[in-house]
Each structure stands twice: as structure tokens, then as C-alpha cells.
Amino acid sequence: MPKTIYDTRFLVELYYSKDEKTLNKLKAEKTRKEKHISTIVLHEVYKLTLAREGRQTAQLRTALLEEDFKTMPVTADIAKASAELRHKYKISMGDSIIAATAQILKATCISDDPHFQKIKEINTKWI
């Protein structure tokens, strides 16, 4: 089974979607074995959850993510690849870090964010 790296938008949909069909697909996708998230995703999920649901939920949610996903730190190679992608595609730092992590891991990026779809150096898919 190929490696996957999940964008923040996947988790936002998982936590906040009201559409049962979408939720079922997201839950099925989450059962993969080779699941990765960037530490930037932890940051973004923590920040969003902190604003919407409070510190206790943010701490619990990110702790569970760390158990369920292999968390990829921003290494020097990822930082440099991220800067290259950010420069080439004019995307945000967060998106460029997630994309660079996918590129370094040779993983498919799971996201519906149109920014990722224009990055030729990575493969993307949505549920």
C-alpha cells in the first residue's frame, strides 16, 4: 500500500463535516496503515481546535493524531524543498511544507485543496 500524507483539510472535514457520506469515506480512508502528517498539520489542527473547542480538546485531539499517524518533522531537506515549492508555485508556507514532505516521502497527498493539485512534483487525491 502506498504511503500517504494528509493535509489539514482532510482532518477538518473529518472533525467538522455534517455530511454522513463524506464522513464514512473519511473514516474508511483513515484506516490506512502508512499514514503520515507533517508537524505543520498538528499546528494547524491544534490552532483551529483551540479556537473552536478549547485547549483541552485541542490537546486531546493532537495527542490522538500523534498516536494514529506517523508525525513527520520539518527536516533540513524538507525545509529546502518547501522553499523551492513555495517559490515556484507561490503557495503558503504550510502548504509548501506539507507538499515537500509528500515529495520527500514519495507519498500521495490526501487533500481537496486546489493548491496541491497544481504542484507537479507530488501526487494528490481526495476521497
Foldseek 3Di string as FASTA:
>chain_A
DFAEEEALQLVCCCPDPPDPVQVVVSVVVLVDDRYEYEVLSLVVQLVVCCVVPNNVVSVVVSVVVVVSHPYDYCDPQLQVQLVVLCVVQVDDSSVSSSLSVCLVRVHEYEDPDVSNVVDPSHHYDYD
